[in-house]
C-alpha atoms as a PDB file:
ATOM      1  CA  UNK A   1     -22.061  68.201 -49.356  1.00  0.00           C
ATOM      2  CA  UNK A   2     -25.321  66.431 -50.323  1.00  0.00           C
ATOM      3  CA  UNK A   3     -26.239  65.791 -53.911  1.00  0.00           C
ATOM      4  CA  UNK A   4     -29.379  64.061 -55.162  1.00  0.00           C
ATOM      5  CA  UNK A   5     -29.221  61.999 -58.302  1.00  0.00           C
ATOM      6  CA  UNK A   6     -32.499  60.925 -59.934  1.00  0.00           C
ATOM      7  CA  UNK A   7     -32.237  57.929 -62.267  1.00  0.00           C
ATOM      8  CA  UNK A   8     -35.148  57.327 -64.640  1.00  0.00           C
ATOM      9  CA  UNK A   9     -33.671  54.636 -66.899  1.00  0.00           C
ATOM     10  CA  UNK A  10     -31.083  51.940 -66.952  1.00  0.00           C
ATOM     11  CA  UNK A  11     -27.854  53.747 -67.794  1.00  0.00           C
ATOM     12  CA  UNK A  12     -24.314  54.230 -66.663  1.00  0.00           C
ATOM     13  CA  UNK A  13     -23.999  57.641 -65.043  1.00  0.00           C
ATOM     14  CA  UNK A  14     -20.696  59.060 -63.844  1.00  0.00           C
ATOM     15  CA  UNK A  15     -20.805  61.944 -61.406  1.00  0.00           C
ATOM     16  CA  UNK A  16     -17.763  63.570 -59.902  1.00  0.00           C
ATOM     17  CA  UNK A  17     -18.163  65.130 -56.477  1.00  0.00           C
ATOM     18  CA  UNK A  18     -15.601  67.065 -54.445  1.00  0.00           C
ATOM     19  CA  UNK A  19     -15.958  65.022 -51.239  1.00  0.00           C
ATOM     20  CA  UNK A  20     -17.181  61.676 -49.880  1.00  0.00           C
ATOM     21  CA  UNK A  21     -20.036  63.250 -47.898  1.00  0.00           C
ATOM     22  CA  UNK A  22     -23.140  62.545 -49.913  1.00  0.00           C
ATOM     23  CA  UNK A  23     -26.554  60.843 -49.772  1.00  0.00           C
ATOM     24  CA  UNK A  24     -27.915  58.663 -52.544  1.00  0.00           C
ATOM     25  CA  UNK A  25     -31.655  58.075 -52.978  1.00  0.00           C
ATOM     26  CA  UNK A  26     -32.514  55.223 -55.349  1.00  0.00           C
ATOM     27  CA  UNK A  27     -35.818  55.742 -57.162  1.00  0.00           C
ATOM     28  CA  UNK A  28     -35.519  52.955 -59.683  1.00  0.00           C
ATOM     29  CA  UNK A  29     -36.177  49.289 -58.788  1.00  0.00           C
ATOM     30  CA  UNK A  30     -34.007  47.927 -61.589  1.00  0.00           C
ATOM     31  CA  UNK A  31     -30.279  47.425 -61.150  1.00  0.00           C
ATOM     32  CA  UNK A  32     -28.144  50.472 -61.906  1.00  0.00           C
ATOM     33  CA  UNK A  33     -24.447  51.223 -61.939  1.00  0.00           C
ATOM     34  CA  UNK A  34     -23.399  54.383 -60.161  1.00  0.00           C
ATOM     35  CA  UNK A  35     -19.820  55.577 -60.063  1.00  0.00           C
ATOM     36  CA  UNK A  36     -18.741  58.303 -57.644  1.00  0.00           C
ATOM     37  CA  UNK A  37     -15.510  60.227 -58.041  1.00  0.00           C
ATOM     38  CA  UNK A  38     -12.757  60.178 -57.405  1.00  0.00           C
ATOM     39  CA  UNK A  39     -12.470  57.407 -60.032  1.00  0.00           C
ATOM     40  CA  UNK A  40     -12.208  53.832 -58.665  1.00  0.00           C
ATOM     41  CA  UNK A  41     -15.060  54.023 -56.109  1.00  0.00           C
ATOM     42  CA  UNK A  42     -17.842  51.868 -57.529  1.00  0.00           C
ATOM     43  CA  UNK A  43     -21.069  50.394 -56.156  1.00  0.00           C
ATOM     44  CA  UNK A  44     -23.316  47.820 -57.792  1.00  0.00           C
ATOM     45  CA  UNK A  45     -26.780  47.598 -56.264  1.00  0.00           C
ATOM     46  CA  UNK A  46     -29.712  45.240 -56.625  1.00  0.00           C
ATOM     47  CA  UNK A  47     -33.130  45.166 -55.042  1.00  0.00           C
ATOM     48  CA  UNK A  48     -31.847  42.742 -52.374  1.00  0.00           C
ATOM     49  CA  UNK A  49     -28.784  44.893 -51.777  1.00  0.00           C
ATOM     50  CA  UNK A  50     -30.953  47.958 -51.293  1.00  0.00           C
ATOM     51  CA  UNK A  51     -33.071  46.083 -48.747  1.00  0.00           C
ATOM     52  CA  UNK A  52     -29.936  45.120 -46.827  1.00  0.00           C
ATOM     53  CA  UNK A  53     -28.541  48.666 -46.907  1.00  0.00           C
ATOM     54  CA  UNK A  54     -31.898  50.071 -45.889  1.00  0.00           C
ATOM     55  CA  UNK A  55     -32.071  47.878 -42.709  1.00  0.00           C
ATOM     56  CA  UNK A  56     -32.612  49.986 -39.588  1.00  0.00           C
ATOM     57  CA  UNK A  57     -30.521  47.788 -37.258  1.00  0.00           C
ATOM     58  CA  UNK A  58     -28.481  44.567 -36.992  1.00  0.00           C
ATOM     59  CA  UNK A  59     -31.537  42.477 -36.157  1.00  0.00           C
ATOM     60  CA  UNK A  60     -33.343  43.618 -39.334  1.00  0.00           C
ATOM     61  CA  UNK A  61     -30.179  42.994 -41.378  1.00  0.00           C
ATOM     62  CA  UNK A  62     -29.956  39.412 -40.002  1.00  0.00           C
ATOM     63  CA  UNK A  63     -33.630  38.877 -40.860  1.00  0.00           C
ATOM     64  CA  UNK A  64     -32.956  40.113 -44.407  1.00  0.00           C
ATOM     65  CA  UNK A  65     -30.023  37.672 -44.683  1.00  0.00           C
ATOM     66  CA  UNK A  66     -32.087  34.830 -43.189  1.00  0.00           C
ATOM     67  CA  UNK A  67     -29.717  34.377 -40.260  1.00  0.00           C
ATOM     68  CA  UNK A  68     -30.640  33.196 -36.763  1.00  0.00           C
ATOM     69  CA  UNK A  69     -28.588  34.159 -33.730  1.00  0.00           C
ATOM     70  CA  UNK A  70     -29.227  30.730 -32.233  1.00  0.00           C
ATOM     71  CA  UNK A  71     -28.436  28.529 -35.235  1.00  0.00           C
ATOM     72  CA  UNK A  72     -26.282  30.652 -37.566  1.00  0.00           C
ATOM     73  CA  UNK A  73     -24.533  33.214 -35.369  1.00  0.00           C
ATOM     74  CA  UNK A  74     -22.809  32.595 -32.010  1.00  0.00           C
ATOM     75  CA  UNK A  75     -24.289  34.930 -29.379  1.00  0.00           C
ATOM     76  CA  UNK A  76     -21.911  36.971 -27.250  1.00  0.00           C
ATOM     77  CA  UNK A  77     -20.682  34.746 -24.388  1.00  0.00           C
ATOM     78  CA  UNK A  78     -18.308  35.669 -21.561  1.00  0.00           C
ATOM     79  CA  UNK A  79     -16.646  32.242 -21.532  1.00  0.00           C
ATOM     80  CA  UNK A  80     -15.881  32.418 -25.249  1.00  0.00           C
ATOM     81  CA  UNK A  81     -14.714  36.003 -24.839  1.00  0.00           C
ATOM     82  CA  UNK A  82     -12.369  34.897 -22.051  1.00  0.00           C
ATOM     83  CA  UNK A  83     -10.857  32.180 -24.249  1.00  0.00           C
ATOM     84  CA  UNK A  84     -10.642  34.546 -27.245  1.00  0.00           C
ATOM     85  CA  UNK A  85      -8.617  36.937 -25.100  1.00  0.00           C
ATOM     86  CA  UNK A  86      -5.861  34.384 -24.479  1.00  0.00           C
ATOM     87  CA  UNK A  87      -2.696  34.521 -26.560  1.00  0.00           C
ATOM     88  CA  UNK A  88      -1.947  31.473 -28.686  1.00  0.00           C
ATOM     89  CA  UNK A  89       1.250  29.656 -27.824  1.00  0.00           C
ATOM     90  CA  UNK A  90       2.912  26.322 -28.460  1.00  0.00           C
ATOM     91  CA  UNK A  91       2.203  23.483 -26.023  1.00  0.00           C
ATOM     92  CA  UNK A  92      -0.552  25.383 -24.208  1.00  0.00           C
ATOM     93  CA  UNK A  93      -4.203  24.568 -23.565  1.00  0.00           C
ATOM     94  CA  UNK A  94      -6.886  26.928 -22.198  1.00  0.00           C
ATOM     95  CA  UNK A  95      -8.760  26.241 -19.010  1.00  0.00           C
ATOM     96  CA  UNK A  96     -11.246  28.197 -16.895  1.00  0.00           C
ATOM     97  CA  UNK A  97     -10.056  29.750 -13.657  1.00  0.00           C
ATOM     98  CA  UNK A  98     -13.455  31.047 -12.596  1.00  0.00           C
ATOM     99  CA  UNK A  99     -16.720  32.458 -13.886  1.00  0.00           C
ATOM    100  CA  UNK A 100     -15.871  34.089 -17.213  1.00  0.00           C
ATOM    101  CA  UNK A 101     -12.086  33.915 -16.678  1.00  0.00           C
ATOM    102  CA  UNK A 102      -9.569  31.653 -18.359  1.00  0.00           C
ATOM    103  CA  UNK A 103      -5.848  31.003 -18.466  1.00  0.00           C
ATOM    104  CA  UNK A 104      -3.322  28.811 -20.264  1.00  0.00           C
ATOM    105  CA  UNK A 105      -1.800  25.599 -18.928  1.00  0.00           C
ATOM    106  CA  UNK A 106       1.165  23.633 -20.205  1.00  0.00           C
ATOM    107  CA  UNK A 107       0.250  20.757 -22.522  1.00  0.00           C
ATOM    108  CA  UNK A 108       3.513  19.227 -23.620  1.00  0.00           C
ATOM    109  CA  UNK A 109       4.153  16.611 -26.267  1.00  0.00           C
ATOM    110  CA  UNK A 110       4.597  14.040 -23.491  1.00  0.00           C
ATOM    111  CA  UNK A 111       1.231  14.996 -22.027  1.00  0.00           C
ATOM    112  CA  UNK A 112      -0.474  14.743 -25.404  1.00  0.00           C
ATOM    113  CA  UNK A 113       1.097  11.334 -25.990  1.00  0.00           C
ATOM    114  CA  UNK A 114      -0.444  10.123 -22.715  1.00  0.00           C
ATOM    115  CA  UNK A 115      -3.877  11.667 -23.271  1.00  0.00           C
ATOM    116  CA  UNK A 116      -4.345  10.180 -26.722  1.00  0.00           C
ATOM    117  CA  UNK A 117      -3.853   6.605 -25.466  1.00  0.00           C
ATOM    118  CA  UNK A 118      -7.031   4.544 -25.684  1.00  0.00           C
ATOM    119  CA  UNK A 119      -6.524   2.477 -22.511  1.00  0.00           C
ATOM    120  CA  UNK A 120      -4.782   2.445 -19.160  1.00  0.00           C
ATOM    121  CA  UNK A 121      -2.463  -0.288 -20.429  1.00  0.00           C
ATOM    122  CA  UNK A 122      -1.422   1.913 -23.361  1.00  0.00           C
ATOM    123  CA  UNK A 123      -0.818   4.806 -20.979  1.00  0.00           C
ATOM    124  CA  UNK A 124       1.415   2.628 -18.795  1.00  0.00           C
ATOM    125  CA  UNK A 125       3.400   1.668 -21.886  1.00  0.00           C
ATOM    126  CA  UNK A 126       3.738   5.349 -22.820  1.00  0.00           C
ATOM    127  CA  UNK A 127       5.017   6.025 -19.311  1.00  0.00           C
ATOM    128  CA  UNK A 128       7.674   3.377 -19.760  1.00  0.00           C
ATOM    129  CA  UNK A 129       6.183   0.859 -17.310  1.00  0.00           C
ATOM    130  CA  UNK A 130       7.382  -2.605 -18.261  1.00  0.00           C
ATOM    131  CA  UNK A 131       5.071  -5.510 -18.967  1.00  0.00           C
ATOM    132  CA  UNK A 132       6.263  -7.239 -15.795  1.00  0.00           C
ATOM    133  CA  UNK A 133       5.475  -4.191 -13.677  1.00  0.00           C
ATOM    134  CA  UNK A 134       2.065  -3.855 -15.335  1.00  0.00           C
ATOM    135  CA  UNK A 135       1.269  -7.435 -14.297  1.00  0.00           C
ATOM    136  CA  UNK A 136       1.909  -6.518 -10.673  1.00  0.00           C
ATOM    137  CA  UNK A 137      -0.155  -3.320 -10.975  1.00  0.00           C
ATOM    138  CA  UNK A 138      -3.077  -5.372 -12.311  1.00  0.00           C
ATOM    139  CA  UNK A 139      -3.248  -7.341  -9.041  1.00  0.00           C
ATOM    140  CA  UNK A 140      -6.011  -6.194  -6.695  1.00  0.00           C
ATOM    141  CA  UNK A 141      -4.565  -7.396  -3.383  1.00  0.00           C
ATOM    142  CA  UNK A 142      -1.195  -7.430  -1.660  1.00  0.00           C
ATOM    143  CA  UNK A 143      -1.341 -11.219  -1.528  1.00  0.00           C
ATOM    144  CA  UNK A 144      -1.872 -11.385  -5.294  1.00  0.00           C
ATOM    145  CA  UNK A 145       1.087  -9.047  -5.827  1.00  0.00           C
ATOM    146  CA  UNK A 146       3.286 -11.242  -3.676  1.00  0.00           C
ATOM    147  CA  UNK A 147       2.180 -14.291  -5.648  1.00  0.00           C
ATOM    148  CA  UNK A 148       2.942 -12.547  -8.957  1.00  0.00           C
ATOM    149  CA  UNK A 149       6.370 -11.565  -7.696  1.00  0.00           C
ATOM    150  CA  UNK A 150       7.028 -15.005  -6.258  1.00  0.00           C
ATOM    151  CA  UNK A 151       7.651 -13.347  -2.895  1.00  0.00           C
ATOM    152  CA  UNK A 152       7.459 -15.020   0.474  1.00  0.00           C
ATOM    153  CA  UNK A 153       3.967 -15.147   1.996  1.00  0.00           C
ATOM    154  CA  UNK A 154       2.894 -12.485   4.455  1.00  0.00           C
ATOM    155  CA  UNK A 155       4.333 -13.146   7.912  1.00  0.00           C
ATOM    156  CA  UNK A 156       2.882 -11.681  11.102  1.00  0.00           C
ATOM    157  CA  UNK A 157       5.491 -12.036  13.807  1.00  0.00           C
ATOM    158  CA  UNK A 158       5.739 -10.813  17.378  1.00  0.00           C
ATOM    159  CA  UNK A 159       8.609 -11.508  19.787  1.00  0.00           C
ATOM    160  CA  UNK A 160       9.326  -9.679  23.024  1.00  0.00           C
ATOM    161  CA  UNK A 161      12.914  -8.666  23.683  1.00  0.00           C
ATOM    162  CA  UNK A 162      12.594  -8.332  27.462  1.00  0.00           C
ATOM    163  CA  UNK A 163      10.595  -9.972  30.219  1.00  0.00           C
ATOM    164  CA  UNK A 164       7.043  -8.623  30.517  1.00  0.00           C
ATOM    165  CA  UNK A 165       4.866  -8.797  33.616  1.00  0.00           C
ATOM    166  CA  UNK A 166       1.474 -10.452  33.386  1.00  0.00           C
ATOM    167  CA  UNK A 167      -1.420 -10.354  35.853  1.00  0.00           C
ATOM    168  CA  UNK A 168      -2.100 -12.390  39.008  1.00  0.00           C
ATOM    169  CA  UNK A 169      -5.637 -13.077  37.810  1.00  0.00           C
ATOM    170  CA  UNK A 170      -8.053 -15.779  36.772  1.00  0.00           C
ATOM    171  CA  UNK A 171      -9.132 -13.851  33.663  1.00  0.00           C
ATOM    172  CA  UNK A 172      -7.654 -14.461  30.221  1.00  0.00           C
ATOM    173  CA  UNK A 173      -4.591 -12.350  29.356  1.00  0.00           C
ATOM    174  CA  UNK A 174      -2.534 -11.979  26.172  1.00  0.00           C
ATOM    175  CA  UNK A 175       0.783 -13.681  25.583  1.00  0.00           C
ATOM    176  CA  UNK A 176       2.327 -10.237  25.170  1.00  0.00           C
ATOM    177  CA  UNK A 177       1.011  -7.881  27.875  1.00  0.00           C
ATOM    178  CA  UNK A 178       1.879  -4.614  26.064  1.00  0.00           C
ATOM    179  CA  UNK A 179       0.787  -5.521  22.508  1.00  0.00           C
ATOM    180  CA  UNK A 180      -1.403  -8.549  22.629  1.00  0.00           C
ATOM    181  CA  UNK A 181      -3.094  -8.914  19.223  1.00  0.00           C
ATOM    182  CA  UNK A 182      -2.576  -8.922  15.470  1.00  0.00           C
ATOM    183  CA  UNK A 183      -5.042  -7.986  12.708  1.00  0.00           C
ATOM    184  CA  UNK A 184      -6.057 -10.627  10.170  1.00  0.00           C
ATOM    185  CA  UNK A 185      -7.482  -9.804   6.749  1.00  0.00           C
ATOM    186  CA  UNK A 186     -10.867 -11.289   5.869  1.00  0.00           C
ATOM    187  CA  UNK A 187     -11.224 -14.792   4.432  1.00  0.00           C
ATOM    188  CA  UNK A 188      -7.731 -16.097   5.128  1.00  0.00           C
ATOM    189  CA  UNK A 189      -5.947 -19.280   6.148  1.00  0.00           C
ATOM    190  CA  UNK A 190      -2.830 -18.952   8.334  1.00  0.00           C
ATOM    191  CA  UNK A 191      -0.275 -21.411   9.577  1.00  0.00           C
ATOM    192  CA  UNK A 192       0.947 -20.444  13.037  1.00  0.00           C
ATOM    193  CA  UNK A 193       3.462 -21.421  15.652  1.00  0.00           C
ATOM    194  CA  UNK A 194       4.436 -19.978  18.986  1.00  0.00           C
ATOM    195  CA  UNK A 195       6.667 -20.301  22.008  1.00  0.00           C
ATOM    196  CA  UNK A 196       5.556 -19.112  25.450  1.00  0.00           C
ATOM    197  CA  UNK A 197       7.569 -19.239  28.675  1.00  0.00           C
ATOM    198  CA  UNK A 198       5.711 -18.252  31.866  1.00  0.00           C
ATOM    199  CA  UNK A 199       7.652 -17.931  35.102  1.00  0.00           C
ATOM    200  CA  UNK A 200       6.358 -17.206  38.598  1.00  0.00           C
ATOM    201  CA  UNK A 201       8.207 -16.814  41.872  1.00  0.00           C
ATOM    202  CA  UNK A 202       5.339 -16.373  44.336  1.00  0.00           C
ATOM    203  CA  UNK A 203       1.882 -17.765  45.085  1.00  0.00           C
ATOM    204  CA  UNK A 204       0.738 -21.221  46.015  1.00  0.00           C
ATOM    205  CA  UNK A 205      -2.971 -21.116  45.186  1.00  0.00           C
ATOM    206  CA  UNK A 206      -3.924 -24.231  43.273  1.00  0.00           C
ATOM    207  CA  UNK A 207      -4.603 -23.539  39.621  1.00  0.00           C
ATOM    208  CA  UNK A 208      -4.305 -24.911  36.095  1.00  0.00           C
ATOM    209  CA  UNK A 209      -3.022 -23.077  33.033  1.00  0.00           C
ATOM    210  CA  UNK A 210      -4.927 -23.005  29.733  1.00  0.00           C
ATOM    211  CA  UNK A 211      -4.405 -21.675  26.218  1.00  0.00           C
ATOM    212  CA  UNK A 212      -7.125 -19.847  24.304  1.00  0.00           C
ATOM    213  CA  UNK A 213      -7.599 -17.292  21.526  1.00  0.00           C
ATOM    214  CA  UNK A 214      -9.683 -14.119  21.385  1.00  0.00           C
ATOM    215  CA  UNK A 215     -10.213 -11.086  19.146  1.00  0.00           C
ATOM    216  CA  UNK A 216     -12.716  -9.663  16.698  1.00  0.00           C
ATOM    217  CA  UNK A 217     -11.827 -11.882  13.707  1.00  0.00           C
ATOM    218  CA  UNK A 218     -14.465 -14.549  13.089  1.00  0.00           C
ATOM    219  CA  UNK A 219     -12.653 -17.884  13.323  1.00  0.00           C
ATOM    220  CA  UNK A 220     -14.271 -20.611  11.218  1.00  0.00           C
ATOM    221  CA  UNK A 221     -11.857 -23.342  12.362  1.00  0.00           C
ATOM    222  CA  UNK A 222      -8.614 -23.846  14.257  1.00  0.00           C
ATOM    223  CA  UNK A 223      -6.490 -26.837  15.193  1.00  0.00           C
ATOM    224  CA  UNK A 224      -3.138 -26.887  16.868  1.00  0.00           C
ATOM    225  CA  UNK A 225      -0.630 -29.145  18.589  1.00  0.00           C
ATOM    226  CA  UNK A 226       0.771 -28.121  21.981  1.00  0.00           C
ATOM    227  CA  UNK A 227       3.842 -29.473  23.691  1.00  0.00           C
ATOM    228  CA  UNK A 228       4.096 -28.299  27.301  1.00  0.00           C
ATOM    229  CA  UNK A 229       6.684 -28.655  30.013  1.00  0.00           C
ATOM    230  CA  UNK A 230       5.960 -27.381  33.471  1.00  0.00           C
ATOM    231  CA  UNK A 231       6.710 -27.694  37.147  1.00  0.00           C
ATOM    232  CA  UNK A 232       8.741 -26.033  39.839  1.00  0.00           C
ATOM    233  CA  UNK A 233      12.425 -25.263  39.756  1.00  0.00           C
ATOM    234  CA  UNK A 234      12.982 -28.587  37.982  1.00  0.00           C
ATOM    235  CA  UNK A 235      11.109 -28.956  34.689  1.00  0.00           C
ATOM    236  CA  UNK A 236       8.886 -31.970  34.302  1.00  0.00           C
ATOM    237  CA  UNK A 237       7.354 -33.590  31.253  1.00  0.00           C
ATOM    238  CA  UNK A 238       3.938 -32.203  30.532  1.00  0.00           C
ATOM    239  CA  UNK A 239       1.133 -32.284  28.013  1.00  0.00           C
ATOM    240  CA  UNK A 240       1.473 -33.376  24.413  1.00  0.00           C
ATOM    241  CA  UNK A 241      -1.965 -32.782  22.956  1.00  0.00           C
ATOM    242  CA  UNK A 242      -4.140 -30.966  20.417  1.00  0.00           C
ATOM    243  CA  UNK A 243      -6.683 -28.170  20.637  1.00  0.00           C
ATOM    244  CA  UNK A 244      -9.502 -27.586  18.151  1.00  0.00           C
ATOM    245  CA  UNK A 245     -11.284 -24.500  19.464  1.00  0.00           C
ATOM    246  CA  UNK A 246     -10.531 -20.922  20.470  1.00  0.00           C
ATOM    247  CA  UNK A 247     -11.895 -21.562  23.957  1.00  0.00           C
ATOM    248  CA  UNK A 248      -9.713 -22.498  26.934  1.00  0.00           C
ATOM    249  CA  UNK A 249      -7.675 -25.676  26.519  1.00  0.00           C
ATOM    250  CA  UNK A 250      -5.924 -26.845  29.730  1.00  0.00           C
ATOM    251  CA  UNK A 251      -2.229 -27.478  29.219  1.00  0.00           C
ATOM    252  CA  UNK A 252      -1.209 -28.206  32.865  1.00  0.00           C
ATOM    253  CA  UNK A 253      -2.603 -30.031  35.792  1.00  0.00           C
ATOM    254  CA  UNK A 254      -3.298 -28.334  39.136  1.00  0.00           C
ATOM    255  CA  UNK A 255      -0.224 -26.615  40.499  1.00  0.00           C
ATOM    256  CA  UNK A 256       0.609 -25.093  43.877  1.00  0.00           C
ATOM    257  CA  UNK A 257       4.280 -24.396  43.179  1.00  0.00           C
ATOM    258  CA  UNK A 258       5.405 -20.906  44.063  1.00  0.00           C
ATOM    259  CA  UNK A 259       8.323 -21.237  41.644  1.00  0.00           C
ATOM    260  CA  UNK A 260       6.256 -22.319  38.651  1.00  0.00           C
ATOM    261  CA  UNK A 261       7.632 -22.645  35.138  1.00  0.00           C
ATOM    262  CA  UNK A 262       5.360 -23.306  32.160  1.00  0.00           C
ATOM    263  CA  UNK A 263       6.912 -23.628  28.701  1.00  0.00           C
ATOM    264  CA  UNK A 264       4.620 -24.078  25.700  1.00  0.00           C
ATOM    265  CA  UNK A 265       5.339 -24.699  22.049  1.00  0.00           C
ATOM    266  CA  UNK A 266       2.388 -24.800  19.673  1.00  0.00           C
ATOM    267  CA  UNK A 267       1.809 -25.065  15.923  1.00  0.00           C
ATOM    268  CA  UNK A 268      -1.360 -25.238  13.874  1.00  0.00           C
ATOM    269  CA  UNK A 269      -3.689 -23.730  11.280  1.00  0.00           C
ATOM    270  CA  UNK A 270      -6.427 -21.142  11.744  1.00  0.00           C
ATOM    271  CA  UNK A 271      -9.072 -20.038   9.239  1.00  0.00           C
ATOM    272  CA  UNK A 272     -11.129 -16.865   9.518  1.00  0.00           C
ATOM    273  CA  UNK A 273     -14.002 -15.378   7.544  1.00  0.00           C
ATOM    274  CA  UNK A 274     -14.520 -11.841   8.832  1.00  0.00           C
ATOM    275  CA  UNK A 275     -11.278  -9.938   9.340  1.00  0.00           C
ATOM    276  CA  UNK A 276     -10.279  -8.519  12.706  1.00  0.00           C
ATOM    277  CA  UNK A 277      -7.927  -9.004  15.621  1.00  0.00           C
ATOM    278  CA  UNK A 278      -6.504 -12.348  16.694  1.00  0.00           C
ATOM    279  CA  UNK A 279      -5.080 -12.587  20.229  1.00  0.00           C
ATOM    280  CA  UNK A 280      -3.217 -15.620  21.616  1.00  0.00           C
ATOM    281  CA  UNK A 281      -3.930 -15.840  25.362  1.00  0.00           C
ATOM    282  CA  UNK A 282      -3.274 -17.861  28.495  1.00  0.00           C
ATOM    283  CA  UNK A 283      -5.502 -18.187  31.560  1.00  0.00           C
ATOM    284  CA  UNK A 284      -5.183 -19.411  35.148  1.00  0.00           C
ATOM    285  CA  UNK A 285      -8.165 -21.236  36.587  1.00  0.00           C
ATOM    286  CA  UNK A 286      -7.566 -19.253  39.784  1.00  0.00           C
ATOM    287  CA  UNK A 287      -5.300 -16.360  40.642  1.00  0.00           C
ATOM    288  CA  UNK A 288      -2.105 -18.174  41.724  1.00  0.00           C
ATOM    289  CA  UNK A 289      -1.054 -15.543  44.237  1.00  0.00           C
ATOM    290  CA  UNK A 290       1.847 -14.154  42.215  1.00  0.00           C
ATOM    291  CA  UNK A 291       2.028 -12.398  38.847  1.00  0.00           C
ATOM    292  CA  UNK A 292       3.712 -14.319  36.004  1.00  0.00           C
ATOM    293  CA  UNK A 293       6.617 -13.044  33.990  1.00  0.00           C
ATOM    294  CA  UNK A 294       6.379 -13.628  30.230  1.00  0.00           C
ATOM    295  CA  UNK A 295      10.002 -14.360  29.441  1.00  0.00           C
ATOM    296  CA  UNK A 296      12.018 -12.623  26.737  1.00  0.00           C
ATOM    297  CA  UNK A 297      11.959 -14.205  23.260  1.00  0.00           C
ATOM    298  CA  UNK A 298       8.533 -15.690  23.712  1.00  0.00           C
ATOM    299  CA  UNK A 299       6.982 -15.337  20.250  1.00  0.00           C
ATOM    300  CA  UNK A 300       3.976 -15.971  18.047  1.00  0.00           C
ATOM    301  CA  UNK A 301       4.016 -16.064  14.247  1.00  0.00           C
ATOM    302  CA  UNK A 302       1.332 -16.432  11.587  1.00  0.00           C
ATOM    303  CA  UNK A 303       2.053 -17.078   7.904  1.00  0.00           C
ATOM    304  CA  UNK A 304      -0.720 -16.277   5.433  1.00  0.00           C
ATOM    305  CA  UNK A 305      -1.308 -19.228   3.097  1.00  0.00           C
ATOM    306  CA  UNK A 306      -4.301 -18.061   1.072  1.00  0.00           C
ATOM    307  CA  UNK A 307      -8.096 -17.912   1.172  1.00  0.00           C
ATOM    308  CA  UNK A 308     -10.059 -19.382   4.073  1.00  0.00           C
ATOM    309  CA  UNK A 309     -11.071 -22.333   1.845  1.00  0.00           C
ATOM    310  CA  UNK A 310      -7.459 -23.126   0.895  1.00  0.00           C
ATOM    311  CA  UNK A 311      -6.532 -26.802   0.546  1.00  0.00           C
ATOM    312  CA  UNK A 312      -3.272 -26.745  -1.447  1.00  0.00           C
ATOM    313  CA  UNK A 313      -0.386 -24.429  -2.266  1.00  0.00           C
ATOM    314  CA  UNK A 314       2.008 -25.351  -5.047  1.00  0.00           C
ATOM    315  CA  UNK A 315       2.026 -28.399  -7.294  1.00  0.00           C
ATOM    316  CA  UNK A 316       0.047 -30.849  -5.129  1.00  0.00           C
ATOM    317  CA  UNK A 317      -2.223 -33.105  -7.165  1.00  0.00           C
END
């Protein structure tokens, strides 16, 4: 049912109609009060209200209201729609699982307590890490951790448990034929000591025996003391001297004994700048004619003391 009501003056007009299907045409610019039955349905219009009602679409209505989609109204967005579609729940936080898709993840009270900490130290405290443990975690190197803990210095130790066969050669060869070298960290000072027992049972070519060191570590300085006993079946007093370079240092005189025994004990200090391998070696001046046996329990040990510029450890003054 359509009914037209013409209003020519400001007045209250009550019209009862049998249904809610009707059109209203306003022909008066001033405000009017129109009541449609059944009683209780009331509309109050103004010139601005009529402009809003008369808008042809949502865009015109927003213009009438002075709204901007960019600044006043959030445009439709698939990410926001994905989040809006998630159910709310305790101890949950939304996160994106893909383009325009989202899900919920657990976000417990313990997790929130950790996230709201302002620093890593505060987070460690929240996690129950003690102050003593935090001090160790603050250290940037293993050596610093050991120092904080008051632990023994780093020891690099190698000892063979069975005889090992060397080479009948005049080239340098490692103390330990199977695993000859150790890796040193950069910029370190080490104290070292070693025990080497070489035994031969064949070959009479005249030769001397020397000690030397090789590897990729850059050695800035080294000095060591060597005590050597050597000879045939009966041991004889030998060298008691010092070496100050990584190059060959003769520890025996010329020998032609087929049953040669060379026993060496050394101790010293080595400093390196660039890190790398460090290989204690021995060398014959000529191939003696029989391969040596490196006897069981020959060993070499390095103890890290500190930086390559180290001069004191402890309370020296």
